[in-house]
Structures are given as structure tokens and as C-alpha cells.
Amino acid sequence: MGISRHILNAVVTAFLAAAPALADGSRAEALLDELQQPDLPNWKNVEDSIWEEWSRSGSAAMDLLLRRGREAVEEGAFETAIEHLTALTDHAPDFAEGYNARALAYFKTGRFGPAVADLARTLQLNPRHFGALMGLGAILEETGRYDAALEAYQRAHAIHPHDPDLEEAVTRLELMTSGRSL
């Protein structure tokens, strides 16, 4: 599937074993903490606010590249998206969301190796990025690494316990890896 098993194993081992980041007092961290509340009827609003925070690079030009890259992904123009997002990561190498967005474009083109590398960089910069963990889980599941996919989904679910898609993914992979039928 275009990704070396050794590279995939190294990334999975490094990032699934990593300790969660300490809260740094940022608004995103406060929102992530709020997302942990068991009874949170407005969880979708909190999630949307987290994505808004993660999408702010601190530079209007970089934010524009992110927007253009995301729009290109939505339009199915994945090569254009990769170009915009590569410019973003080149000019803002410490902006996690640039790598996460580019990982999606790579994933959509079937380039799992570059997608995993970008997800690894995203998680290095932002270990609580549930979206990157979900993306990693999707790639691992797609490539038949069900135990590792389950672990990625479980880690994402621990950060974002309200997402029904994550809950479904965890349940599905628990059944698959336990030997029980779906």
C-alpha cells in the first residue's frame, strides 16, 4: 500500500507510546479539558472551537494557505491541496494543523507513507490532536494493522469521548481484534 512496514511500526510505536502533553494554559488546552467532561451536551460546539483554535497559525498568510488547502481537499483537488499545504509547512514548520491537513490530502491520494509522516509530525507538535490520531487509526485499519488501529482510536477516544464515529470505530475494532463476529 505504499508504506514501509518498518516506517509504520516506528511511527506507531513512537506516537502511541508517547505520554500525553502537559496542559500549557492555552485556550485549546482548556477546551480539550472541557471536552473530557462526561456530561457535555454542547460537545460539538467545544469540538468546533478546538478546531478553530488549532487552525490559527498566528499569521494571516499561513491561515490563508490552510484555508486554500482545505478548500482544495473539499473540491477533490488533492494535488493542489498538497501544494498549498506544503507551502504552509515549509513556511510554518511548527504549525501542527498544516501537517494534519496535508496528511488528509495524502491519504485521499493513497499515499499512506507521507500521510503517516505528517500525522507523526502533527502528534509531535500537538500530542492531544484527536484528529491526527483518528487519521492514524484510519490508515492502520486500511492497511490491516487492526490492533494498532484500535490503539490509535482508543487514544483519540480518550481525548474526545463524545465523538460517535470514534466510539463506533473503537467498538468495531474491539470486535475485530477479539475474534468475535461483527
N, C-alpha and C. Protein backbone atom coordinates (compact mmCIF):
# COMPACT_ATOMS: atom_id res chain seq x y z
N MET A 1 0.82 -1.20 0.00
CA MET A 1 0.00 0.00 0.00
C MET A 1 0.86 1.25 0.00
N GLY A 2 2.11 1.16 -0.36
CA GLY A 2 2.93 2.35 -0.49
C GLY A 2 3.59 2.81 0.79
N ILE A 3 3.53 2.02 1.83
CA ILE A 3 4.14 2.43 3.09
C ILE A 3 4.96 1.27 3.64
N SER A 4 6.17 1.57 3.99
CA SER A 4 7.04 0.54 4.54
C SER A 4 6.54 0.11 5.91
N ARG A 5 6.49 -1.18 6.13
CA ARG A 5 6.05 -1.72 7.41
C ARG A 5 6.97 -1.24 8.53
N HIS A 6 8.27 -1.08 8.23
CA HIS A 6 9.21 -0.61 9.24
C HIS A 6 8.92 0.83 9.64
N ILE A 7 8.62 1.67 8.66
CA ILE A 7 8.28 3.07 8.96
C ILE A 7 7.01 3.12 9.76
N LEU A 8 6.00 2.38 9.33
CA LEU A 8 4.73 2.36 10.03
C LEU A 8 4.90 1.87 11.46
N ASN A 9 5.67 0.80 11.66
CA ASN A 9 5.91 0.30 13.01
C ASN A 9 6.60 1.33 13.88
N ALA A 10 7.59 2.03 13.32
CA ALA A 10 8.32 3.04 14.09
C ALA A 10 7.40 4.18 14.51
N VAL A 11 6.57 4.64 13.59
CA VAL A 11 5.66 5.74 13.92
C VAL A 11 4.63 5.30 14.95
N VAL A 12 4.04 4.15 14.73
CA VAL A 12 3.04 3.65 15.67
C VAL A 12 3.64 3.48 17.06
N THR A 13 4.80 2.87 17.15
CA THR A 13 5.44 2.66 18.44
C THR A 13 5.75 3.98 19.11
N ALA A 14 6.33 4.91 18.37
CA ALA A 14 6.74 6.19 18.96
C ALA A 14 5.56 7.02 19.43
N PHE A 15 4.51 7.09 18.62
CA PHE A 15 3.45 8.02 18.94
C PHE A 15 2.31 7.41 19.75
N LEU A 16 2.12 6.13 19.70
CA LEU A 16 1.12 5.54 20.57
C LEU A 16 1.66 5.34 21.98
N ALA A 17 2.98 5.28 22.11
CA ALA A 17 3.59 5.12 23.43
C ALA A 17 3.88 6.45 24.09
N ALA A 18 3.77 7.55 23.34
CA ALA A 18 4.11 8.86 23.88
C ALA A 18 3.15 9.24 25.01
N ALA A 19 3.70 9.92 26.00
CA ALA A 19 2.88 10.41 27.11
C ALA A 19 2.08 11.61 26.64
N PRO A 20 0.87 11.80 27.19
CA PRO A 20 0.09 12.97 26.80
C PRO A 20 0.82 14.26 27.19
N ALA A 21 0.60 15.28 26.41
CA ALA A 21 1.23 16.56 26.68
C ALA A 21 0.66 17.19 27.94
N LEU A 22 1.48 17.94 28.62
CA LEU A 22 1.01 18.69 29.76
C LEU A 22 0.24 19.91 29.27
N ALA A 23 -0.78 20.29 30.01
CA ALA A 23 -1.54 21.48 29.64
C ALA A 23 -0.64 22.70 29.69
N ASP A 24 -0.73 23.56 28.68
CA ASP A 24 0.13 24.74 28.64
C ASP A 24 -0.65 26.01 28.93
N GLY A 25 -1.93 25.89 29.31
CA GLY A 25 -2.70 27.07 29.64
C GLY A 25 -3.36 27.72 28.44
N SER A 26 -3.16 27.18 27.25
CA SER A 26 -3.75 27.79 26.05
C SER A 26 -5.26 27.53 26.02
N ARG A 27 -5.94 28.31 25.21
CA ARG A 27 -7.39 28.14 25.05
C ARG A 27 -7.71 26.74 24.53
N ALA A 28 -6.93 26.25 23.58
CA ALA A 28 -7.18 24.91 23.04
C ALA A 28 -7.06 23.87 24.15
N GLU A 29 -6.06 24.00 25.00
CA GLU A 29 -5.89 23.04 26.10
C GLU A 29 -7.08 23.10 27.05
N ALA A 30 -7.57 24.29 27.34
CA ALA A 30 -8.75 24.44 28.22
C ALA A 30 -9.97 23.80 27.57
N LEU A 31 -10.12 23.98 26.27
CA LEU A 31 -11.24 23.36 25.56
C LEU A 31 -11.11 21.84 25.54
N LEU A 32 -9.89 21.34 25.35
CA LEU A 32 -9.67 19.89 25.39
C LEU A 32 -10.01 19.33 26.77
N ASP A 33 -9.67 20.08 27.80
CA ASP A 33 -10.04 19.65 29.16
C ASP A 33 -11.56 19.64 29.33
N GLU A 34 -12.22 20.66 28.78
CA GLU A 34 -13.68 20.72 28.85
C GLU A 34 -14.30 19.53 28.12
N LEU A 35 -13.71 19.15 27.01
CA LEU A 35 -14.22 18.03 26.22
C LEU A 35 -14.20 16.73 27.02
N GLN A 36 -13.39 16.65 28.05
CA GLN A 36 -13.28 15.45 28.89
C GLN A 36 -14.48 15.28 29.82
N GLN A 37 -15.27 16.33 30.03
CA GLN A 37 -16.41 16.25 30.94
C GLN A 37 -17.40 15.19 30.44
N PRO A 38 -17.79 14.28 31.34
CA PRO A 38 -18.65 13.17 30.91
C PRO A 38 -20.02 13.63 30.40
N ASP A 39 -20.62 14.61 31.03
CA ASP A 39 -21.94 15.08 30.62
C ASP A 39 -21.75 16.44 29.96
N LEU A 40 -21.60 16.43 28.64
CA LEU A 40 -21.31 17.65 27.91
C LEU A 40 -22.26 17.74 26.71
N PRO A 41 -23.45 18.31 26.94
CA PRO A 41 -24.43 18.35 25.86
C PRO A 41 -23.98 19.19 24.65
N ASN A 42 -23.08 20.14 24.87
CA ASN A 42 -22.62 21.01 23.78
C ASN A 42 -21.26 20.58 23.25
N TRP A 43 -20.96 19.29 23.29
CA TRP A 43 -19.63 18.80 22.91
C TRP A 43 -19.25 19.19 21.48
N LYS A 44 -20.23 19.25 20.59
CA LYS A 44 -19.94 19.60 19.19
C LYS A 44 -19.44 21.05 19.11
N ASN A 45 -20.02 21.94 19.89
CA ASN A 45 -19.56 23.34 19.92
C ASN A 45 -18.14 23.42 20.47
N VAL A 46 -17.85 22.64 21.49
CA VAL A 46 -16.50 22.62 22.06
C VAL A 46 -15.52 22.07 21.02
N GLU A 47 -15.89 20.99 20.34
CA GLU A 47 -15.04 20.43 19.29
C GLU A 47 -14.78 21.47 18.20
N ASP A 48 -15.82 22.15 17.76
CA ASP A 48 -15.65 23.17 16.71
C ASP A 48 -14.70 24.28 17.18
N SER A 49 -14.80 24.66 18.43
CA SER A 49 -13.91 25.69 18.98
C SER A 49 -12.46 25.20 19.02
N ILE A 50 -12.27 23.93 19.32
CA ILE A 50 -10.92 23.36 19.31
C ILE A 50 -10.34 23.44 17.91
N TRP A 51 -11.12 23.02 16.91
CA TRP A 51 -10.64 23.08 15.52
C TRP A 51 -10.32 24.51 15.11
N GLU A 52 -11.15 25.48 15.56
CA GLU A 52 -10.87 26.89 15.27
C GLU A 52 -9.53 27.31 15.87
N GLU A 53 -9.29 26.92 17.12
CA GLU A 53 -8.03 27.26 17.78
C GLU A 53 -6.85 26.62 17.07
N TRP A 54 -7.00 25.35 16.73
CA TRP A 54 -5.92 24.63 16.05
C TRP A 54 -5.65 25.21 14.67
N SER A 55 -6.62 25.89 14.07
CA SER A 55 -6.49 26.43 12.72
C SER A 55 -5.87 27.83 12.70
N ARG A 56 -5.53 28.36 13.85
CA ARG A 56 -4.92 29.68 13.92
C ARG A 56 -3.41 29.55 14.04
N SER A 57 -2.74 29.97 13.00
CA SER A 57 -1.27 29.86 12.98
C SER A 57 -0.59 31.07 13.60
N GLY A 58 -1.32 32.17 13.69
CA GLY A 58 -0.71 33.42 14.14
C GLY A 58 -0.30 34.30 12.97
N SER A 59 -0.51 33.82 11.74
CA SER A 59 -0.17 34.57 10.54
C SER A 59 -1.35 34.50 9.57
N ALA A 60 -1.81 35.66 9.12
CA ALA A 60 -2.92 35.69 8.16
C ALA A 60 -2.55 34.96 6.87
N ALA A 61 -1.32 35.10 6.43
CA ALA A 61 -0.88 34.44 5.20
C ALA A 61 -0.90 32.91 5.36
N MET A 62 -0.44 32.42 6.50
CA MET A 62 -0.41 30.98 6.73
C MET A 62 -1.84 30.45 6.89
N ASP A 63 -2.69 31.22 7.57
CA ASP A 63 -4.08 30.81 7.71
C ASP A 63 -4.76 30.72 6.35
N LEU A 64 -4.40 31.63 5.43
CA LEU A 64 -4.96 31.59 4.08
C LEU A 64 -4.50 30.33 3.34
N LEU A 65 -3.23 29.97 3.49
CA LEU A 65 -2.76 28.72 2.86
C LEU A 65 -3.51 27.51 3.41
N LEU A 66 -3.76 27.50 4.71
CA LEU A 66 -4.52 26.39 5.31
C LEU A 66 -5.93 26.36 4.74
N ARG A 67 -6.58 27.52 4.66
CA ARG A 67 -7.94 27.57 4.12
C ARG A 67 -7.97 27.10 2.66
N ARG A 68 -7.02 27.57 1.87
CA ARG A 68 -6.97 27.16 0.46
C ARG A 68 -6.70 25.66 0.33
N GLY A 69 -5.82 25.14 1.16
CA GLY A 69 -5.54 23.71 1.13
C GLY A 69 -6.77 22.90 1.49
N ARG A 70 -7.47 23.31 2.53
CA ARG A 70 -8.68 22.59 2.94
C ARG A 70 -9.77 22.68 1.87
N GLU A 71 -9.92 23.86 1.27
CA GLU A 71 -10.91 24.01 0.20
C GLU A 71 -10.57 23.10 -0.98
N ALA A 72 -9.31 23.00 -1.31
CA ALA A 72 -8.90 22.12 -2.41
C ALA A 72 -9.21 20.66 -2.08
N VAL A 73 -9.00 20.26 -0.84
CA VAL A 73 -9.35 18.89 -0.43
C VAL A 73 -10.85 18.67 -0.62
N GLU A 74 -11.66 19.63 -0.15
CA GLU A 74 -13.12 19.51 -0.27
C GLU A 74 -13.56 19.40 -1.73
N GLU A 75 -12.83 20.08 -2.62
CA GLU A 75 -13.15 20.05 -4.05
C GLU A 75 -12.58 18.83 -4.76
N GLY A 76 -11.79 18.03 -4.04
CA GLY A 76 -11.17 16.86 -4.64
C GLY A 76 -9.91 17.18 -5.43
N ALA A 77 -9.41 18.39 -5.29
CA ALA A 77 -8.18 18.81 -5.98
C ALA A 77 -7.00 18.55 -5.05
N PHE A 78 -6.68 17.27 -4.88
CA PHE A 78 -5.72 16.87 -3.86
C PHE A 78 -4.30 17.34 -4.15
N GLU A 79 -3.88 17.34 -5.40
CA GLU A 79 -2.53 17.81 -5.72
C GLU A 79 -2.40 19.30 -5.43
N THR A 80 -3.43 20.06 -5.74
CA THR A 80 -3.43 21.49 -5.41
C THR A 80 -3.38 21.67 -3.89
N ALA A 81 -4.15 20.87 -3.19
CA ALA A 81 -4.15 20.94 -1.73
C ALA A 81 -2.76 20.67 -1.18
N ILE A 82 -2.12 19.64 -1.70
CA ILE A 82 -0.77 19.28 -1.25
C ILE A 82 0.20 20.43 -1.51
N GLU A 83 0.05 21.09 -2.66
CA GLU A 83 0.93 22.23 -2.96
C GLU A 83 0.74 23.36 -1.95
N HIS A 84 -0.51 23.73 -1.69
CA HIS A 84 -0.78 24.80 -0.71
C HIS A 84 -0.27 24.41 0.68
N LEU A 85 -0.54 23.19 1.06
CA LEU A 85 -0.20 22.75 2.42
C LEU A 85 1.30 22.52 2.57
N THR A 86 1.98 22.16 1.50
CA THR A 86 3.43 22.05 1.55
C THR A 86 4.05 23.44 1.71
N ALA A 87 3.51 24.42 1.00
CA ALA A 87 3.97 25.80 1.20
C ALA A 87 3.76 26.22 2.65
N LEU A 88 2.63 25.84 3.21
CA LEU A 88 2.34 26.17 4.61
C LEU A 88 3.34 25.51 5.55
N THR A 89 3.58 24.22 5.38
CA THR A 89 4.50 23.53 6.29
C THR A 89 5.93 24.01 6.10
N ASP A 90 6.28 24.41 4.89
CA ASP A 90 7.62 24.96 4.64
C ASP A 90 7.82 26.28 5.38
N HIS A 91 6.78 27.11 5.38
CA HIS A 91 6.89 28.45 5.98
C HIS A 91 6.48 28.49 7.46
N ALA A 92 5.76 27.49 7.91
CA ALA A 92 5.34 27.43 9.32
C ALA A 92 5.56 26.01 9.84
N PRO A 93 6.83 25.61 10.00
CA PRO A 93 7.13 24.22 10.34
C PRO A 93 6.69 23.79 11.75
N ASP A 94 6.28 24.74 12.58
CA ASP A 94 5.82 24.39 13.92
C ASP A 94 4.31 24.49 14.07
N PHE A 95 3.61 24.60 12.96
CA PHE A 95 2.14 24.71 12.95
C PHE A 95 1.55 23.33 12.65
N ALA A 96 1.08 22.68 13.69
CA ALA A 96 0.63 21.29 13.59
C ALA A 96 -0.49 21.10 12.58
N GLU A 97 -1.40 22.03 12.49
CA GLU A 97 -2.57 21.82 11.64
C GLU A 97 -2.20 21.77 10.16
N GLY A 98 -1.11 22.41 9.78
CA GLY A 98 -0.67 22.32 8.39
C GLY A 98 -0.33 20.88 8.02
N TYR A 99 0.37 20.19 8.92
CA TYR A 99 0.73 18.79 8.67
C TYR A 99 -0.50 17.90 8.69
N ASN A 100 -1.41 18.16 9.63
CA ASN A 100 -2.61 17.34 9.72
C ASN A 100 -3.46 17.47 8.45
N ALA A 101 -3.62 18.69 7.97
CA ALA A 101 -4.41 18.90 6.75
C ALA A 101 -3.74 18.25 5.54
N ARG A 102 -2.41 18.37 5.46
CA ARG A 102 -1.72 17.74 4.33
C ARG A 102 -1.81 16.22 4.42
N ALA A 103 -1.79 15.67 5.65
CA ALA A 103 -1.93 14.22 5.82
C ALA A 103 -3.24 13.73 5.20
N LEU A 104 -4.30 14.50 5.37
CA LEU A 104 -5.58 14.12 4.77
C LEU A 104 -5.49 14.11 3.25
N ALA A 105 -4.85 15.12 2.68
CA ALA A 105 -4.70 15.15 1.22
C ALA A 105 -3.88 13.97 0.73
N TYR A 106 -2.80 13.66 1.44
CA TYR A 106 -2.00 12.49 1.07
C TYR A 106 -2.83 11.21 1.19
N PHE A 107 -3.58 11.08 2.26
CA PHE A 107 -4.42 9.90 2.46
C PHE A 107 -5.41 9.74 1.31
N LYS A 108 -6.01 10.84 0.91
CA LYS A 108 -7.01 10.80 -0.16
C LYS A 108 -6.40 10.36 -1.49
N THR A 109 -5.08 10.55 -1.65
CA THR A 109 -4.41 10.11 -2.89
C THR A 109 -3.78 8.74 -2.73
N GLY A 110 -3.99 8.10 -1.57
CA GLY A 110 -3.44 6.76 -1.35
C GLY A 110 -1.98 6.75 -0.96
N ARG A 111 -1.42 7.91 -0.66
CA ARG A 111 -0.01 7.99 -0.25
C ARG A 111 0.08 7.91 1.27
N PHE A 112 0.04 6.69 1.76
CA PHE A 112 -0.02 6.48 3.20
C PHE A 112 1.28 6.82 3.91
N GLY A 113 2.40 6.58 3.27
CA GLY A 113 3.70 6.89 3.90
C GLY A 113 3.83 8.37 4.23
N PRO A 114 3.66 9.27 3.24
CA PRO A 114 3.72 10.69 3.57
C PRO A 114 2.61 11.12 4.55
N ALA A 115 1.44 10.49 4.46
CA ALA A 115 0.36 10.82 5.39
C ALA A 115 0.76 10.47 6.82
N VAL A 116 1.33 9.28 7.00
CA VAL A 116 1.77 8.87 8.34
C VAL A 116 2.88 9.79 8.85
N ALA A 117 3.80 10.17 7.98
CA ALA A 117 4.88 11.08 8.39
C ALA A 117 4.29 12.41 8.85
N ASP A 118 3.29 12.93 8.13
CA ASP A 118 2.67 14.19 8.54
C ASP A 118 1.87 14.03 9.83
N LEU A 119 1.21 12.91 10.00
CA LEU A 119 0.49 12.68 11.25
C LEU A 119 1.47 12.58 12.42
N ALA A 120 2.61 11.95 12.19
CA ALA A 120 3.63 11.86 13.23
C ALA A 120 4.10 13.25 13.63
N ARG A 121 4.32 14.12 12.64
CA ARG A 121 4.76 15.49 12.95
C ARG A 121 3.65 16.25 13.68
N THR A 122 2.41 16.06 13.26
CA THR A 122 1.27 16.69 13.94
C THR A 122 1.26 16.29 15.41
N LEU A 123 1.41 14.99 15.67
CA LEU A 123 1.35 14.49 17.05
C LEU A 123 2.59 14.90 17.85
N GLN A 124 3.70 15.09 17.18
CA GLN A 124 4.88 15.58 17.87
C GLN A 124 4.63 17.02 18.35
N LEU A 125 3.99 17.81 17.51
CA LEU A 125 3.70 19.20 17.85
C LEU A 125 2.49 19.34 18.76
N ASN A 126 1.54 18.43 18.64
CA ASN A 126 0.29 18.51 19.39
C ASN A 126 -0.17 17.09 19.75
N PRO A 127 0.37 16.53 20.84
CA PRO A 127 0.04 15.14 21.21
C PRO A 127 -1.44 14.88 21.52
N ARG A 128 -2.22 15.94 21.75
CA ARG A 128 -3.64 15.75 22.04
C ARG A 128 -4.51 15.96 20.80
N HIS A 129 -3.92 15.89 19.63
CA HIS A 129 -4.65 16.11 18.39
C HIS A 129 -5.45 14.85 18.05
N PHE A 130 -6.69 14.83 18.50
CA PHE A 130 -7.53 13.65 18.29
C PHE A 130 -7.77 13.39 16.80
N GLY A 131 -7.78 14.43 15.99
CA GLY A 131 -7.97 14.24 14.55
C GLY A 131 -6.81 13.49 13.92
N ALA A 132 -5.59 13.81 14.34
CA ALA A 132 -4.42 13.09 13.82
C ALA A 132 -4.44 11.64 14.27
N LEU A 133 -4.84 11.39 15.50
CA LEU A 133 -4.95 10.01 15.98
C LEU A 133 -6.03 9.24 15.22
N MET A 134 -7.13 9.92 14.90
CA MET A 134 -8.18 9.28 14.10
C MET A 134 -7.65 8.96 12.70
N GLY A 135 -6.90 9.89 12.12
CA GLY A 135 -6.32 9.65 10.80
C GLY A 135 -5.35 8.49 10.82
N LEU A 136 -4.52 8.44 11.86
CA LEU A 136 -3.58 7.33 12.01
C LEU A 136 -4.35 6.02 12.14
N GLY A 137 -5.41 6.03 12.93
CA GLY A 137 -6.24 4.83 13.07
C GLY A 137 -6.83 4.39 11.75
N ALA A 138 -7.28 5.34 10.94
CA ALA A 138 -7.87 5.01 9.64
C ALA A 138 -6.83 4.37 8.72
N ILE A 139 -5.62 4.92 8.71
CA ILE A 139 -4.57 4.35 7.86
C ILE A 139 -4.19 2.95 8.35
N LEU A 140 -4.05 2.80 9.65
CA LEU A 140 -3.70 1.49 10.20
C LEU A 140 -4.79 0.47 9.91
N GLU A 141 -6.03 0.88 10.02
CA GLU A 141 -7.13 -0.03 9.71
C GLU A 141 -7.13 -0.38 8.22
N GLU A 142 -6.93 0.60 7.37
CA GLU A 142 -6.89 0.39 5.92
C GLU A 142 -5.78 -0.58 5.52
N THR A 143 -4.67 -0.55 6.25
CA THR A 143 -3.53 -1.40 5.93
C THR A 143 -3.53 -2.71 6.72
N GLY A 144 -4.64 -3.01 7.40
CA GLY A 144 -4.77 -4.29 8.09
C GLY A 144 -4.07 -4.38 9.43
N ARG A 145 -3.63 -3.28 9.98
CA ARG A 145 -2.98 -3.26 11.31
C ARG A 145 -4.04 -2.99 12.36
N TYR A 146 -4.93 -3.93 12.58
CA TYR A 146 -6.13 -3.71 13.39
C TYR A 146 -5.83 -3.44 14.86
N ASP A 147 -4.87 -4.15 15.45
CA ASP A 147 -4.55 -3.90 16.86
C ASP A 147 -4.02 -2.48 17.05
N ALA A 148 -3.12 -2.06 16.17
CA ALA A 148 -2.57 -0.71 16.26
C ALA A 148 -3.64 0.34 15.95
N ALA A 149 -4.53 0.05 15.00
CA ALA A 149 -5.63 0.96 14.70
C ALA A 149 -6.52 1.13 15.91
N LEU A 150 -6.83 0.03 16.57
CA LEU A 150 -7.65 0.09 17.78
C LEU A 150 -6.98 0.98 18.82
N GLU A 151 -5.68 0.82 19.00
CA GLU A 151 -4.97 1.63 19.99
C GLU A 151 -5.03 3.12 19.62
N ALA A 152 -4.87 3.44 18.36
CA ALA A 152 -4.95 4.84 17.93
C ALA A 152 -6.35 5.40 18.18
N TYR A 153 -7.37 4.62 17.81
CA TYR A 153 -8.75 5.07 18.05
C TYR A 153 -9.04 5.21 19.54
N GLN A 154 -8.54 4.29 20.35
CA GLN A 154 -8.76 4.38 21.79
C GLN A 154 -8.11 5.63 22.37
N ARG A 155 -6.90 5.95 21.90
CA ARG A 155 -6.23 7.17 22.37
C ARG A 155 -7.00 8.40 21.96
N ALA A 156 -7.51 8.41 20.72
CA ALA A 156 -8.31 9.55 20.27
C ALA A 156 -9.59 9.65 21.09
N HIS A 157 -10.21 8.51 21.36
CA HIS A 157 -11.46 8.48 22.13
C HIS A 157 -11.23 8.93 23.57
N ALA A 158 -10.07 8.65 24.13
CA ALA A 158 -9.75 9.12 25.49
C ALA A 158 -9.67 10.65 25.52
N ILE A 159 -9.25 11.25 24.44
CA ILE A 159 -9.17 12.71 24.35
C ILE A 159 -10.53 13.30 24.01
N HIS A 160 -11.26 12.62 23.13
CA HIS A 160 -12.56 13.10 22.65
C HIS A 160 -13.61 12.00 22.86
N PRO A 161 -14.11 11.86 24.09
CA PRO A 161 -15.02 10.74 24.40
C PRO A 161 -16.44 10.90 23.86
N HIS A 162 -16.75 12.02 23.22
CA HIS A 162 -18.12 12.26 22.77
C HIS A 162 -18.35 11.98 21.29
N ASP A 163 -17.30 11.78 20.51
CA ASP A 163 -17.44 11.61 19.07
C ASP A 163 -18.03 10.23 18.76
N PRO A 164 -19.24 10.18 18.20
CA PRO A 164 -19.87 8.88 17.92
C PRO A 164 -19.10 8.06 16.88
N ASP A 165 -18.42 8.72 15.94
CA ASP A 165 -17.64 7.98 14.94
C ASP A 165 -16.46 7.27 15.61
N LEU A 166 -15.84 7.93 16.58
CA LEU A 166 -14.74 7.29 17.31
C LEU A 166 -15.25 6.14 18.15
N GLU A 167 -16.37 6.34 18.79
CA GLU A 167 -16.96 5.27 19.61
C GLU A 167 -17.27 4.05 18.74
N GLU A 168 -17.82 4.31 17.55
CA GLU A 168 -18.13 3.21 16.63
C GLU A 168 -16.85 2.52 16.16
N ALA A 169 -15.81 3.29 15.88
CA ALA A 169 -14.54 2.71 15.42
C ALA A 169 -13.93 1.83 16.51
N VAL A 170 -13.96 2.31 17.74
CA VAL A 170 -13.42 1.52 18.85
C VAL A 170 -14.20 0.22 18.99
N THR A 171 -15.51 0.31 18.97
CA THR A 171 -16.35 -0.89 19.10
C THR A 171 -16.08 -1.87 17.96
N ARG A 172 -16.04 -1.35 16.74
CA ARG A 172 -15.79 -2.19 15.56
C ARG A 172 -14.44 -2.91 15.67
N LEU A 173 -13.40 -2.16 16.03
CA LEU A 173 -12.05 -2.75 16.09
C LEU A 173 -11.91 -3.67 17.30
N GLU A 174 -12.59 -3.38 18.39
CA GLU A 174 -12.57 -4.30 19.53
C GLU A 174 -13.15 -5.65 19.12
N LEU A 175 -14.24 -5.62 18.38
CA LEU A 175 -14.83 -6.87 17.91
C LEU A 175 -13.91 -7.60 16.93
N MET A 176 -13.32 -6.85 16.02
CA MET A 176 -12.42 -7.46 15.03
C MET A 176 -11.20 -8.10 15.68
N THR A 177 -10.62 -7.42 16.65
CA THR A 177 -9.39 -7.92 17.25
C THR A 177 -9.65 -8.97 18.33
N SER A 178 -10.89 -9.07 18.78
CA SER A 178 -11.20 -10.08 19.80
C SER A 178 -11.55 -11.44 19.20
N GLY A 179 -11.77 -11.45 17.87
CA GLY A 179 -12.13 -12.69 17.21
C GLY A 179 -13.63 -12.93 17.17
N ARG A 180 -14.41 -12.02 17.78
CA ARG A 180 -15.86 -12.14 17.71
C ARG A 180 -16.34 -11.58 16.39
N SER A 181 -17.49 -12.01 15.95
CA SER A 181 -18.03 -11.52 14.68
C SER A 181 -18.75 -10.21 14.89
N LEU A 182 -18.75 -9.42 13.81
CA LEU A 182 -19.46 -8.15 13.85
C LEU A 182 -20.93 -8.40 13.76
